Amino acid sequence: MSTNYNRIKVADLETNEPNKILKTNANGELEFSNVIDNKQLKLASDSETQINYTVAEDEKVISRLKLFNWWEWLKAQSQTISGTWNFTNKVTLAAGNTATPSLIIPNGTLTNFPQNGSIERDSNGQLWETHNDVRARLATTSEVILIPFKASNNIQTNITGTLSATAQSISSSTIVGSIKNSSVSRLNLSNEIYFYSNNPSLGNIDPIEAKSEIYLKINNGLFSSHFSGISPTNQIKIIEFSGLNNNGLKNYQSPFLTDIQNSDIMLAQWSKIQFTTQNIKDGVTTNGEATYYLRDASNSRTFGVSEASFSFVIVNTVTYADPTNSQGKNISKIIRTNNYAIYLETIR
């Protein structure tokens, strides 16, 4: 039959042969053709698909199984990706081992313009990070002094009146494990002593003593003057400011050394701390040295500094000859200690 008006040749239908498909020939006409059997196709093998080099076109096809095998093979290969990949979900790196780190950022050149969120490495191997449009160098622990303890706020301790009295304040606690059993640190305390008469004051007799003391307290153990645990106490004096003329800023800095006889705490004969003490009486300073051994709360074994939790205690004391002011002659006094900062710096 004629194929005018897009008609299909009837002769093709009359043969009644199965497994035929319609396809367009070179003239745009629909014709019946044999169905291609997949078994007749040339399939690429695993070794032919898992390659990293160019081959000539061989018109072979890939089955779903070979495609899956290729993807598993590809994921196991070392790849260099030159394009920009954007991940919309998280990226989880494999755990590092003794031979291979999880991530390597090679030396390079910093971008001309900082890009927020970026981490870069310069030609010297130094890492940089950018946030709020500011690029900053990432410091290493060898370049910074660690702060294992810093008091969280200003600590003020007050006594006001005409009676003998004591007032106490306590700092926040160090975190267990923040101070090593063997370390070199520096202890810093910035204080202001304020000792004045109330105005007006009806009496005329000054106190016989006014002092402010700062102690180191161990919250879960004991201090001892000997590693055997004799004369145990839970707090030891670091500083004393005393006298009736001792006003103003008082800064204290001291080496704070920790040491242990054996790295295994349970086998150690002793664990100790060392620091300098300071006594300022009416402006005259006297320094000393102190060594104390740490024991557990039951005083039954050596206690590592790394096991301990410490706090700082500030104690103000005013003492009158007439402690209750029964004669009404005591001058009303204010004694105030402002502790502006307590912090410990680890050198090594």
C-alpha atoms as a PDB file:
ATOM      1  CA  MET A   1       0.000   0.000   0.000  1.00  0.00           C
ATOM      2  CA  SER A   2       0.956   3.588  -0.380  1.00  0.00           C
ATOM      3  CA  THR A   3       2.388   5.391   2.634  1.00  0.00           C
ATOM      4  CA  ASN A   4       0.809   8.682   1.747  1.00  0.00           C
ATOM      5  CA  TYR A   5      -1.089  10.421   4.551  1.00  0.00           C
ATOM      6  CA  ASN A   6       1.152   8.687   7.182  1.00  0.00           C
ATOM      7  CA  ARG A   7      -0.439   5.306   6.548  1.00  0.00           C
ATOM      8  CA  ILE A   8       1.313   2.110   7.739  1.00  0.00           C
ATOM      9  CA  LYS A   9       2.158  -0.519   5.186  1.00  0.00           C
ATOM     10  CA  VAL A  10      -0.423  -3.285   5.547  1.00  0.00           C
ATOM     11  CA  ALA A  11       1.931  -5.877   4.177  1.00  0.00           C
ATOM     12  CA  ASP A  12       3.872  -5.662   7.419  1.00  0.00           C
ATOM     13  CA  LEU A  13       0.841  -6.574   9.447  1.00  0.00           C
ATOM     14  CA  GLU A  14      -0.131  -9.475   7.281  1.00  0.00           C
ATOM     15  CA  THR A  15       2.900 -11.549   8.150  1.00  0.00           C
ATOM     16  CA  ASN A  16       1.606 -11.875  11.738  1.00  0.00           C
ATOM     17  CA  GLU A  17       5.122 -12.251  13.138  1.00  0.00           C
ATOM     18  CA  PRO A  18       5.601 -11.761  16.926  1.00  0.00           C
ATOM     19  CA  ASN A  19       8.185  -9.580  18.747  1.00  0.00           C
ATOM     20  CA  LYS A  20       7.961  -6.677  16.341  1.00  0.00           C
ATOM     21  CA  ILE A  21       8.318  -2.975  17.151  1.00  0.00           C
ATOM     22  CA  LEU A  22       7.492   0.158  15.225  1.00  0.00           C
ATOM     23  CA  LYS A  23      10.369   2.423  14.312  1.00  0.00           C
ATOM     24  CA  THR A  24      10.897   5.366  12.013  1.00  0.00           C
ATOM     25  CA  ASN A  25      12.990   4.783   8.925  1.00  0.00           C
ATOM     26  CA  ALA A  26      15.218   7.264   7.115  1.00  0.00           C
ATOM     27  CA  ASN A  27      12.186   8.677   5.273  1.00  0.00           C
ATOM     28  CA  GLY A  28      10.195   9.306   8.447  1.00  0.00           C
ATOM     29  CA  GLU A  29       7.952   6.326   7.833  1.00  0.00           C
ATOM     30  CA  LEU A  30       6.886   3.915  10.571  1.00  0.00           C
ATOM     31  CA  GLU A  31       7.988   0.365   9.956  1.00  0.00           C
ATOM     32  CA  PHE A  32       7.913  -2.884  11.828  1.00  0.00           C
ATOM     33  CA  SER A  33      11.292  -4.158  13.042  1.00  0.00           C
ATOM     34  CA  ASN A  34      12.580  -7.012  15.145  1.00  0.00           C
ATOM     35  CA  VAL A  35      12.818  -6.530  18.948  1.00  0.00           C
ATOM     36  CA  ILE A  36      16.426  -6.482  20.091  1.00  0.00           C
ATOM     37  CA  ASP A  37      17.254  -9.222  22.599  1.00  0.00           C
ATOM     38  CA  ASN A  38      19.489  -7.937  25.445  1.00  0.00           C
ATOM     39  CA  LYS A  39      21.440 -11.145  25.225  1.00  0.00           C
ATOM     40  CA  GLN A  40      22.522 -10.093  21.803  1.00  0.00           C
ATOM     41  CA  LEU A  41      24.074  -6.848  23.146  1.00  0.00           C
ATOM     42  CA  LYS A  42      27.761  -6.549  23.951  1.00  0.00           C
ATOM     43  CA  LEU A  43      27.969  -6.036  27.737  1.00  0.00           C
ATOM     44  CA  ALA A  44      31.001  -4.415  29.348  1.00  0.00           C
ATOM     45  CA  SER A  45      32.634  -6.452  32.114  1.00  0.00           C
ATOM     46  CA  ASP A  46      33.757  -5.146  35.542  1.00  0.00           C
ATOM     47  CA  SER A  47      37.348  -4.905  34.367  1.00  0.00           C
ATOM     48  CA  GLU A  48      36.204  -2.896  31.324  1.00  0.00           C
ATOM     49  CA  THR A  49      34.164  -0.406  33.376  1.00  0.00           C
ATOM     50  CA  GLN A  50      36.470  -0.004  36.368  1.00  0.00           C
ATOM     51  CA  ILE A  51      39.130   1.961  34.543  1.00  0.00           C
ATOM     52  CA  ASN A  52      40.794   5.360  34.881  1.00  0.00           C
ATOM     53  CA  TYR A  53      42.078   5.761  31.348  1.00  0.00           C
ATOM     54  CA  THR A  54      40.570   6.580  27.955  1.00  0.00           C
ATOM     55  CA  VAL A  55      39.512   3.759  25.582  1.00  0.00           C
ATOM     56  CA  ALA A  56      38.193   3.687  22.018  1.00  0.00           C
ATOM     57  CA  GLU A  57      34.425   3.476  21.564  1.00  0.00           C
ATOM     58  CA  ASP A  58      33.414  -0.182  21.511  1.00  0.00           C
ATOM     59  CA  GLU A  59      29.612   0.302  21.691  1.00  0.00           C
ATOM     60  CA  LYS A  60      29.362  -1.914  24.754  1.00  0.00           C
ATOM     61  CA  VAL A  61      26.589  -1.295  27.268  1.00  0.00           C
ATOM     62  CA  ILE A  62      26.567  -1.506  31.088  1.00  0.00           C
ATOM     63  CA  SER A  63      24.056  -3.512  33.109  1.00  0.00           C
ATOM     64  CA  ARG A  64      22.663  -2.338  36.436  1.00  0.00           C
ATOM     65  CA  LEU A  65      24.890  -4.813  38.282  1.00  0.00           C
ATOM     66  CA  LYS A  66      28.029  -3.555  36.533  1.00  0.00           C
ATOM     67  CA  LEU A  67      26.965   0.029  37.236  1.00  0.00           C
ATOM     68  CA  PHE A  68      26.594  -0.768  40.933  1.00  0.00           C
ATOM     69  CA  ASN A  69      29.965  -2.536  40.997  1.00  0.00           C
ATOM     70  CA  TRP A  70      31.559   0.447  39.249  1.00  0.00           C
ATOM     71  CA  TRP A  71      30.177   2.876  41.861  1.00  0.00           C
ATOM     72  CA  GLU A  72      31.441   0.744  44.749  1.00  0.00           C
ATOM     73  CA  TRP A  73      34.848   0.566  43.056  1.00  0.00           C
ATOM     74  CA  LEU A  74      34.896   4.315  42.426  1.00  0.00           C
ATOM     75  CA  LYS A  75      34.176   5.169  46.084  1.00  0.00           C
ATOM     76  CA  ALA A  76      37.183   3.127  47.145  1.00  0.00           C
ATOM     77  CA  GLN A  77      39.597   4.962  44.831  1.00  0.00           C
ATOM     78  CA  SER A  78      41.735   8.003  45.574  1.00  0.00           C
ATOM     79  CA  GLN A  79      40.232  10.895  43.670  1.00  0.00           C
ATOM     80  CA  THR A  80      41.322  14.384  42.742  1.00  0.00           C
ATOM     81  CA  ILE A  81      38.272  16.578  42.227  1.00  0.00           C
ATOM     82  CA  SER A  82      38.926  19.807  40.357  1.00  0.00           C
ATOM     83  CA  GLY A  83      35.355  21.062  40.233  1.00  0.00           C
ATOM     84  CA  THR A  84      33.292  22.734  42.940  1.00  0.00           C
ATOM     85  CA  TRP A  85      31.119  20.307  44.877  1.00  0.00           C
ATOM     86  CA  ASN A  86      28.382  21.646  47.150  1.00  0.00           C
ATOM     87  CA  PHE A  87      27.007  19.339  49.827  1.00  0.00           C
ATOM     88  CA  THR A  88      23.530  20.160  51.103  1.00  0.00           C
ATOM     89  CA  ASN A  89      23.842  17.746  54.008  1.00  0.00           C
ATOM     90  CA  LYS A  90      26.655  17.055  56.469  1.00  0.00           C
ATOM     91  CA  VAL A  91      30.011  15.562  55.519  1.00  0.00           C
ATOM     92  CA  THR A  92      31.368  12.867  57.821  1.00  0.00           C
ATOM     93  CA  LEU A  93      35.045  12.029  57.539  1.00  0.00           C
ATOM     94  CA  ALA A  94      36.512   8.624  58.233  1.00  0.00           C
ATOM     95  CA  ALA A  95      38.356   8.176  61.510  1.00  0.00           C
ATOM     96  CA  GLY A  96      42.080   8.750  61.320  1.00  0.00           C
ATOM     97  CA  ASN A  97      44.627   6.097  62.156  1.00  0.00           C
ATOM     98  CA  THR A  98      48.350   5.861  62.826  1.00  0.00           C
ATOM     99  CA  ALA A  99      49.107   6.243  59.129  1.00  0.00           C
ATOM    100  CA  THR A 100      46.340   8.462  57.753  1.00  0.00           C
ATOM    101  CA  PRO A 101      44.700  11.563  59.252  1.00  0.00           C
ATOM    102  CA  SER A 102      41.011  12.273  58.714  1.00  0.00           C
ATOM    103  CA  LEU A 103      41.658  15.533  56.884  1.00  0.00           C
ATOM    104  CA  ILE A 104      44.634  17.199  55.238  1.00  0.00           C
ATOM    105  CA  ILE A 105      44.570  20.861  54.234  1.00  0.00           C
ATOM    106  CA  PRO A 106      47.676  21.401  52.084  1.00  0.00           C
ATOM    107  CA  ASN A 107      49.805  24.531  52.085  1.00  0.00           C
ATOM    108  CA  GLY A 108      48.568  27.139  49.645  1.00  0.00           C
ATOM    109  CA  THR A 109      47.923  30.836  49.102  1.00  0.00           C
ATOM    110  CA  LEU A 110      45.294  32.743  51.060  1.00  0.00           C
ATOM    111  CA  THR A 111      42.377  34.097  49.058  1.00  0.00           C
ATOM    112  CA  ASN A 112      42.530  37.767  48.063  1.00  0.00           C
ATOM    113  CA  PHE A 113      39.284  38.431  49.921  1.00  0.00           C
ATOM    114  CA  PRO A 114      38.336  36.666  53.180  1.00  0.00           C
ATOM    115  CA  GLN A 115      35.284  34.419  52.870  1.00  0.00           C
ATOM    116  CA  ASN A 116      33.176  33.802  55.955  1.00  0.00           C
ATOM    117  CA  GLY A 117      33.327  30.234  57.203  1.00  0.00           C
ATOM    118  CA  SER A 118      36.545  29.437  55.367  1.00  0.00           C
ATOM    119  CA  ILE A 119      39.566  27.629  56.791  1.00  0.00           C
ATOM    120  CA  GLU A 120      42.758  28.163  54.811  1.00  0.00           C
ATOM    121  CA  ARG A 121      46.400  27.233  55.080  1.00  0.00           C
ATOM    122  CA  ASP A 122      49.101  29.588  53.903  1.00  0.00           C
ATOM    123  CA  SER A 123      52.436  28.762  52.272  1.00  0.00           C
ATOM    124  CA  ASN A 124      54.063  28.407  55.704  1.00  0.00           C
ATOM    125  CA  GLY A 125      51.512  25.849  56.854  1.00  0.00           C
ATOM    126  CA  GLN A 126      49.684  28.236  59.208  1.00  0.00           C
ATOM    127  CA  LEU A 127      45.900  27.832  59.440  1.00  0.00           C
ATOM    128  CA  TRP A 128      43.522  30.795  59.174  1.00  0.00           C
ATOM    129  CA  GLU A 129      39.776  31.091  59.709  1.00  0.00           C
ATOM    130  CA  THR A 130      37.315  33.825  58.737  1.00  0.00           C
ATOM    131  CA  HIS A 131      34.142  34.999  60.434  1.00  0.00           C
ATOM    132  CA  ASN A 132      32.375  38.380  60.456  1.00  0.00           C
ATOM    133  CA  ASP A 133      34.525  39.235  57.426  1.00  0.00           C
ATOM    134  CA  VAL A 134      37.686  39.097  59.546  1.00  0.00           C
ATOM    135  CA  ARG A 135      40.460  36.592  58.832  1.00  0.00           C
ATOM    136  CA  ALA A 136      42.416  35.482  61.902  1.00  0.00           C
ATOM    137  CA  ARG A 137      45.288  33.086  62.410  1.00  0.00           C
ATOM    138  CA  LEU A 138      44.528  29.935  64.386  1.00  0.00           C
ATOM    139  CA  ALA A 139      46.965  29.719  67.281  1.00  0.00           C
ATOM    140  CA  THR A 140      48.344  26.408  68.535  1.00  0.00           C
ATOM    141  CA  THR A 141      48.623  25.331  72.163  1.00  0.00           C
ATOM    142  CA  SER A 142      52.373  25.955  72.009  1.00  0.00           C
ATOM    143  CA  GLU A 143      51.658  29.635  71.298  1.00  0.00           C
ATOM    144  CA  VAL A 144      49.042  30.349  73.945  1.00  0.00           C
ATOM    145  CA  ILE A 145      48.847  30.145  77.711  1.00  0.00           C
ATOM    146  CA  LEU A 146      45.955  27.961  78.808  1.00  0.00           C
ATOM    147  CA  ILE A 147      43.639  29.174  81.568  1.00  0.00           C
ATOM    148  CA  PRO A 148      42.480  26.123  83.552  1.00  0.00           C
ATOM    149  CA  PHE A 149      40.645  28.369  86.039  1.00  0.00           C
ATOM    150  CA  LYS A 150      39.157  31.855  85.987  1.00  0.00           C
ATOM    151  CA  ALA A 151      36.762  33.207  88.612  1.00  0.00           C
ATOM    152  CA  SER A 152      33.448  33.911  86.968  1.00  0.00           C
ATOM    153  CA  ASN A 153      32.855  37.341  88.509  1.00  0.00           C
ATOM    154  CA  ASN A 154      34.015  40.029  90.927  1.00  0.00           C
ATOM    155  CA  ILE A 155      33.911  38.806  94.552  1.00  0.00           C
ATOM    156  CA  GLN A 156      33.143  41.404  97.214  1.00  0.00           C
ATOM    157  CA  THR A 157      33.429  40.700 100.933  1.00  0.00           C
ATOM    158  CA  ASN A 158      32.129  43.306 103.430  1.00  0.00           C
ATOM    159  CA  ILE A 159      32.040  44.014 107.151  1.00  0.00           C
ATOM    160  CA  THR A 160      30.390  47.169 108.484  1.00  0.00           C
ATOM    161  CA  GLY A 161      29.804  48.221 112.098  1.00  0.00           C
ATOM    162  CA  THR A 162      31.237  48.544 115.585  1.00  0.00           C
ATOM    163  CA  LEU A 163      31.442  44.861 116.550  1.00  0.00           C
ATOM    164  CA  SER A 164      34.112  42.223 116.126  1.00  0.00           C
ATOM    165  CA  ALA A 165      33.060  40.219 113.106  1.00  0.00           C
ATOM    166  CA  THR A 166      34.084  37.856 110.333  1.00  0.00           C
ATOM    167  CA  ALA A 167      32.728  37.698 106.768  1.00  0.00           C
ATOM    168  CA  GLN A 168      33.521  35.113 104.103  1.00  0.00           C
ATOM    169  CA  SER A 169      33.074  34.718 100.348  1.00  0.00           C
ATOM    170  CA  ILE A 170      34.000  31.814  98.092  1.00  0.00           C
ATOM    171  CA  SER A 171      34.821  31.625  94.403  1.00  0.00           C
ATOM    172  CA  SER A 172      33.570  29.181  91.819  1.00  0.00           C
ATOM    173  CA  SER A 173      35.343  25.808  91.701  1.00  0.00           C
ATOM    174  CA  THR A 174      37.966  24.480  89.344  1.00  0.00           C
ATOM    175  CA  ILE A 175      36.902  21.623  87.111  1.00  0.00           C
ATOM    176  CA  VAL A 176      38.297  18.242  88.109  1.00  0.00           C
ATOM    177  CA  GLY A 177      41.073  17.353  85.681  1.00  0.00           C
ATOM    178  CA  SER A 178      41.736  20.934  84.542  1.00  0.00           C
ATOM    179  CA  ILE A 179      45.032  21.102  86.473  1.00  0.00           C
ATOM    180  CA  LYS A 180      47.610  18.438  85.671  1.00  0.00           C
ATOM    181  CA  ASN A 181      49.434  16.347  88.278  1.00  0.00           C
ATOM    182  CA  SER A 182      52.736  17.735  87.049  1.00  0.00           C
ATOM    183  CA  SER A 183      52.633  21.295  85.746  1.00  0.00           C
ATOM    184  CA  VAL A 184      54.070  24.786  85.911  1.00  0.00           C
ATOM    185  CA  SER A 185      51.456  27.531  86.245  1.00  0.00           C
ATOM    186  CA  ARG A 186      51.098  31.093  87.461  1.00  0.00           C
ATOM    187  CA  LEU A 187      48.455  32.141  89.971  1.00  0.00           C
ATOM    188  CA  ASN A 188      47.111  35.692  89.677  1.00  0.00           C
ATOM    189  CA  LEU A 189      44.879  37.582  92.092  1.00  0.00           C
ATOM    190  CA  SER A 190      43.883  41.232  91.731  1.00  0.00           C
ATOM    191  CA  ASN A 191      42.434  42.728  94.906  1.00  0.00           C
ATOM    192  CA  GLU A 192      41.421  46.053  96.361  1.00  0.00           C
ATOM    193  CA  ILE A 193      41.359  46.622 100.130  1.00  0.00           C
ATOM    194  CA  TYR A 194      39.019  49.279 101.471  1.00  0.00           C
ATOM    195  CA  PHE A 195      39.234  50.092 105.206  1.00  0.00           C
ATOM    196  CA  TYR A 196      37.603  53.305 106.379  1.00  0.00           C
ATOM    197  CA  SER A 197      35.541  54.748 109.204  1.00  0.00           C
ATOM    198  CA  ASN A 198      31.844  55.194 108.719  1.00  0.00           C
ATOM    199  CA  ASN A 199      30.832  58.840 108.644  1.00  0.00           C
ATOM    200  CA  PRO A 200      29.692  59.953 111.087  1.00  0.00           C
ATOM    201  CA  SER A 201      31.114  57.573 113.698  1.00  0.00           C
ATOM    202  CA  LEU A 202      30.106  58.078 117.318  1.00  0.00           C
ATOM    203  CA  GLY A 203      32.972  56.108 118.880  1.00  0.00           C
ATOM    204  CA  ASN A 204      36.666  56.898 119.178  1.00  0.00           C
ATOM    205  CA  ILE A 205      38.365  53.515 119.622  1.00  0.00           C
ATOM    206  CA  ASP A 206      39.804  51.789 116.540  1.00  0.00           C
ATOM    207  CA  PRO A 207      39.846  48.017 116.106  1.00  0.00           C
ATOM    208  CA  ILE A 208      42.953  46.278 117.357  1.00  0.00           C
ATOM    209  CA  GLU A 209      43.057  44.209 114.168  1.00  0.00           C
ATOM    210  CA  ALA A 210      41.670  44.325 110.641  1.00  0.00           C
ATOM    211  CA  LYS A 211      42.675  41.801 108.021  1.00  0.00           C
ATOM    212  CA  SER A 212      41.667  40.172 104.759  1.00  0.00           C
ATOM    213  CA  GLU A 213      42.876  36.642 104.010  1.00  0.00           C
ATOM    214  CA  ILE A 214      42.670  34.561 100.861  1.00  0.00           C
ATOM    215  CA  TYR A 215      42.799  30.767 101.107  1.00  0.00           C
ATOM    216  CA  LEU A 216      43.023  27.928  98.641  1.00  0.00           C
ATOM    217  CA  LYS A 217      40.371  25.343  99.501  1.00  0.00           C
ATOM    218  CA  ILE A 218      40.269  21.754  98.286  1.00  0.00           C
ATOM    219  CA  ASN A 219      36.643  20.702  97.929  1.00  0.00           C
ATOM    220  CA  ASN A 220      37.071  16.940  97.720  1.00  0.00           C
ATOM    221  CA  GLY A 221      40.300  16.197  99.554  1.00  0.00           C
ATOM    222  CA  LEU A 222      42.806  17.408 102.145  1.00  0.00           C
ATOM    223  CA  PHE A 223      46.103  19.277 102.377  1.00  0.00           C
ATOM    224  CA  SER A 224      48.885  18.045 104.622  1.00  0.00           C
ATOM    225  CA  SER A 225      52.306  19.343 105.604  1.00  0.00           C
ATOM    226  CA  HIS A 226      53.720  15.820 105.057  1.00  0.00           C
ATOM    227  CA  PHE A 227      52.968  13.173 102.447  1.00  0.00           C
ATOM    228  CA  SER A 228      51.930  10.790 105.244  1.00  0.00           C
ATOM    229  CA  GLY A 229      48.882  12.963 105.922  1.00  0.00           C
ATOM    230  CA  ILE A 230      49.707  14.556 109.295  1.00  0.00           C
ATOM    231  CA  SER A 231      47.798  17.698 110.348  1.00  0.00           C
ATOM    232  CA  PRO A 232      45.278  17.569 107.492  1.00  0.00           C
ATOM    233  CA  THR A 233      43.221  20.622 106.573  1.00  0.00           C
ATOM    234  CA  ASN A 234      40.945  21.514 103.702  1.00  0.00           C
ATOM    235  CA  GLN A 235      42.220  25.067 103.125  1.00  0.00           C
ATOM    236  CA  ILE A 236      45.598  26.806 103.187  1.00  0.00           C
ATOM    237  CA  LYS A 237      46.445  30.506 103.320  1.00  0.00           C
ATOM    238  CA  ILE A 238      47.918  32.227 100.284  1.00  0.00           C
ATOM    239  CA  ILE A 239      47.686  35.950 101.165  1.00  0.00           C
ATOM    240  CA  GLU A 240      47.022  38.105 104.187  1.00  0.00           C
ATOM    241  CA  PHE A 241      46.428  41.865 104.135  1.00  0.00           C
ATOM    242  CA  SER A 242      46.423  43.291 107.651  1.00  0.00           C
ATOM    243  CA  GLY A 243      46.778  46.531 109.611  1.00  0.00           C
ATOM    244  CA  LEU A 244      44.701  49.676 109.859  1.00  0.00           C
ATOM    245  CA  ASN A 245      46.517  51.420 106.998  1.00  0.00           C
ATOM    246  CA  ASN A 246      46.495  48.941 104.153  1.00  0.00           C
ATOM    247  CA  ASN A 247      44.177  50.424 101.560  1.00  0.00           C
ATOM    248  CA  GLY A 248      44.439  50.250  97.790  1.00  0.00           C
ATOM    249  CA  LEU A 249      45.052  47.807  94.967  1.00  0.00           C
ATOM    250  CA  LYS A 250      46.977  44.651  95.839  1.00  0.00           C
ATOM    251  CA  ASN A 251      48.196  42.441  93.024  1.00  0.00           C
ATOM    252  CA  TYR A 252      49.517  38.931  93.648  1.00  0.00           C
ATOM    253  CA  GLN A 253      51.387  36.716  91.209  1.00  0.00           C
ATOM    254  CA  SER A 254      53.111  33.483  92.097  1.00  0.00           C
ATOM    255  CA  PRO A 255      54.447  30.344  90.456  1.00  0.00           C
ATOM    256  CA  PHE A 256      52.014  27.521  91.124  1.00  0.00           C
ATOM    257  CA  LEU A 257      53.781  24.187  90.751  1.00  0.00           C
ATOM    258  CA  THR A 258      52.269  20.714  90.885  1.00  0.00           C
ATOM    259  CA  ASP A 259      54.183  17.458  90.968  1.00  0.00           C
ATOM    260  CA  ILE A 260      53.659  13.769  91.669  1.00  0.00           C
ATOM    261  CA  GLN A 261      56.097  11.012  92.601  1.00  0.00           C
ATOM    262  CA  ASN A 262      54.616   8.428  90.195  1.00  0.00           C
ATOM    263  CA  SER A 263      52.445   9.002  87.120  1.00  0.00           C
ATOM    264  CA  ASP A 264      50.176   6.230  88.425  1.00  0.00           C
ATOM    265  CA  ILE A 265      48.304   7.994  91.232  1.00  0.00           C
ATOM    266  CA  MET A 266      47.586   4.740  93.048  1.00  0.00           C
ATOM    267  CA  LEU A 267      51.308   3.987  93.216  1.00  0.00           C
ATOM    268  CA  ALA A 268      52.478   7.519  93.999  1.00  0.00           C
ATOM    269  CA  GLN A 269      53.971   8.142  97.436  1.00  0.00           C
ATOM    270  CA  TRP A 270      53.188  11.833  97.232  1.00  0.00           C
ATOM    271  CA  SER A 271      51.457  14.525  95.183  1.00  0.00           C
ATOM    272  CA  LYS A 272      52.154  18.156  96.015  1.00  0.00           C
ATOM    273  CA  ILE A 273      51.643  21.822  95.198  1.00  0.00           C
ATOM    274  CA  GLN A 274      54.091  24.691  95.744  1.00  0.00           C
ATOM    275  CA  PHE A 275      53.553  28.451  95.677  1.00  0.00           C
ATOM    276  CA  THR A 276      54.704  31.657  97.365  1.00  0.00           C
ATOM    277  CA  THR A 277      52.781  33.226 100.214  1.00  0.00           C
ATOM    278  CA  GLN A 278      52.358  36.964 100.737  1.00  0.00           C
ATOM    279  CA  ASN A 279      51.735  38.989 103.879  1.00  0.00           C
ATOM    280  CA  ILE A 280      51.177  42.732 103.580  1.00  0.00           C
ATOM    281  CA  LYS A 281      50.884  44.528 106.923  1.00  0.00           C
ATOM    282  CA  ASP A 282      50.344  48.298 106.768  1.00  0.00           C
ATOM    283  CA  GLY A 283      51.986  48.354 103.346  1.00  0.00           C
ATOM    284  CA  VAL A 284      55.017  46.218 104.253  1.00  0.00           C
ATOM    285  CA  THR A 285      55.259  43.016 102.212  1.00  0.00           C
ATOM    286  CA  THR A 286      56.738  39.732 103.416  1.00  0.00           C
ATOM    287  CA  ASN A 287      56.955  36.763 101.062  1.00  0.00           C
ATOM    288  CA  GLY A 288      57.352  33.093 101.916  1.00  0.00           C
ATOM    289  CA  GLU A 289      57.216  29.674 100.297  1.00  0.00           C
ATOM    290  CA  ALA A 290      54.692  26.903 100.884  1.00  0.00           C
ATOM    291  CA  THR A 291      54.587  23.213 100.010  1.00  0.00           C
ATOM    292  CA  TYR A 292      51.559  21.050 100.701  1.00  0.00           C
ATOM    293  CA  TYR A 293      50.796  17.416  99.964  1.00  0.00           C
ATOM    294  CA  LEU A 294      47.407  16.292  98.714  1.00  0.00           C
ATOM    295  CA  ARG A 295      45.422  13.514 100.328  1.00  0.00           C
ATOM    296  CA  ASP A 296      41.981  12.115  99.570  1.00  0.00           C
ATOM    297  CA  ALA A 297      38.988  13.161 101.681  1.00  0.00           C
ATOM    298  CA  SER A 298      39.414  10.212 104.053  1.00  0.00           C
ATOM    299  CA  ASN A 299      43.187  10.828 104.363  1.00  0.00           C
ATOM    300  CA  SER A 300      43.845   7.255 103.291  1.00  0.00           C
ATOM    301  CA  ARG A 301      45.919   7.732 100.120  1.00  0.00           C
ATOM    302  CA  THR A 302      47.811  10.154  97.918  1.00  0.00           C
ATOM    303  CA  PHE A 303      45.449  12.380  95.955  1.00  0.00           C
ATOM    304  CA  GLY A 304      46.398  13.648  92.497  1.00  0.00           C
ATOM    305  CA  VAL A 305      45.968  17.323  91.656  1.00  0.00           C
ATOM    306  CA  SER A 306      44.089  16.160  88.559  1.00  0.00           C
ATOM    307  CA  GLU A 307      41.523  14.530  90.857  1.00  0.00           C
ATOM    308  CA  ALA A 308      40.985  17.644  92.940  1.00  0.00           C
ATOM    309  CA  SER A 309      38.510  20.484  92.784  1.00  0.00           C
ATOM    310  CA  PHE A 310      39.670  23.808  94.267  1.00  0.00           C
ATOM    311  CA  SER A 311      38.047  27.084  95.280  1.00  0.00           C
ATOM    312  CA  PHE A 312      39.341  30.356  96.672  1.00  0.00           C
ATOM    313  CA  VAL A 313      38.005  31.649  99.984  1.00  0.00           C
ATOM    314  CA  ILE A 314      38.174  35.329 101.022  1.00  0.00           C
ATOM    315  CA  VAL A 315      37.842  36.021 104.756  1.00  0.00           C
ATOM    316  CA  ASN A 316      37.566  39.500 106.305  1.00  0.00           C
ATOM    317  CA  THR A 317      38.041  39.939 110.058  1.00  0.00           C
ATOM    318  CA  VAL A 318      37.647  42.962 112.364  1.00  0.00           C
ATOM    319  CA  THR A 319      38.575  42.633 116.036  1.00  0.00           C
ATOM    320  CA  TYR A 320      37.874  45.217 118.748  1.00  0.00           C
ATOM    321  CA  ALA A 321      39.140  45.176 122.342  1.00  0.00           C
ATOM    322  CA  ASP A 322      35.471  45.523 123.270  1.00  0.00           C
ATOM    323  CA  PRO A 323      34.067  42.931 120.847  1.00  0.00           C
ATOM    324  CA  THR A 324      30.396  43.690 121.516  1.00  0.00           C
ATOM    325  CA  ASN A 325      30.888  47.468 121.925  1.00  0.00           C
ATOM    326  CA  SER A 326      29.344  47.306 125.370  1.00  0.00           C
ATOM    327  CA  GLN A 327      30.929  50.690 126.201  1.00  0.00           C
ATOM    328  CA  GLY A 328      29.666  52.297 122.986  1.00  0.00           C
ATOM    329  CA  LYS A 329      33.132  53.663 122.142  1.00  0.00           C
ATOM    330  CA  ASN A 330      34.109  51.580 119.114  1.00  0.00           C
ATOM    331  CA  ILE A 331      34.558  53.464 115.857  1.00  0.00           C
ATOM    332  CA  SER A 332      32.255  52.093 113.156  1.00  0.00           C
ATOM    333  CA  LYS A 333      34.433  50.672 110.415  1.00  0.00           C
ATOM    334  CA  ILE A 334      33.980  49.384 106.872  1.00  0.00           C
ATOM    335  CA  ILE A 335      36.317  46.641 105.689  1.00  0.00           C
ATOM    336  CA  ARG A 336      35.769  45.594 102.117  1.00  0.00           C
ATOM    337  CA  THR A 337      37.746  43.301  99.867  1.00  0.00           C
ATOM    338  CA  ASN A 338      37.089  43.511  96.142  1.00  0.00           C
ATOM    339  CA  ASN A 339      38.573  40.556  94.351  1.00  0.00           C
ATOM    340  CA  TYR A 340      38.509  41.642  90.737  1.00  0.00           C
ATOM    341  CA  ALA A 341      40.238  38.620  89.236  1.00  0.00           C
ATOM    342  CA  ILE A 342      41.457  35.158  90.128  1.00  0.00           C
ATOM    343  CA  TYR A 343      42.944  33.103  87.335  1.00  0.00           C
ATOM    344  CA  LEU A 344      45.490  30.360  86.821  1.00  0.00           C
ATOM    345  CA  GLU A 345      47.721  30.281  83.718  1.00  0.00           C
ATOM    346  CA  THR A 346      49.333  27.007  82.639  1.00  0.00           C
ATOM    347  CA  ILE A 347      52.847  27.479  81.262  1.00  0.00           C
ATOM    348  CA  ARG A 348      53.434  23.771  80.669  1.00  0.00           C
END
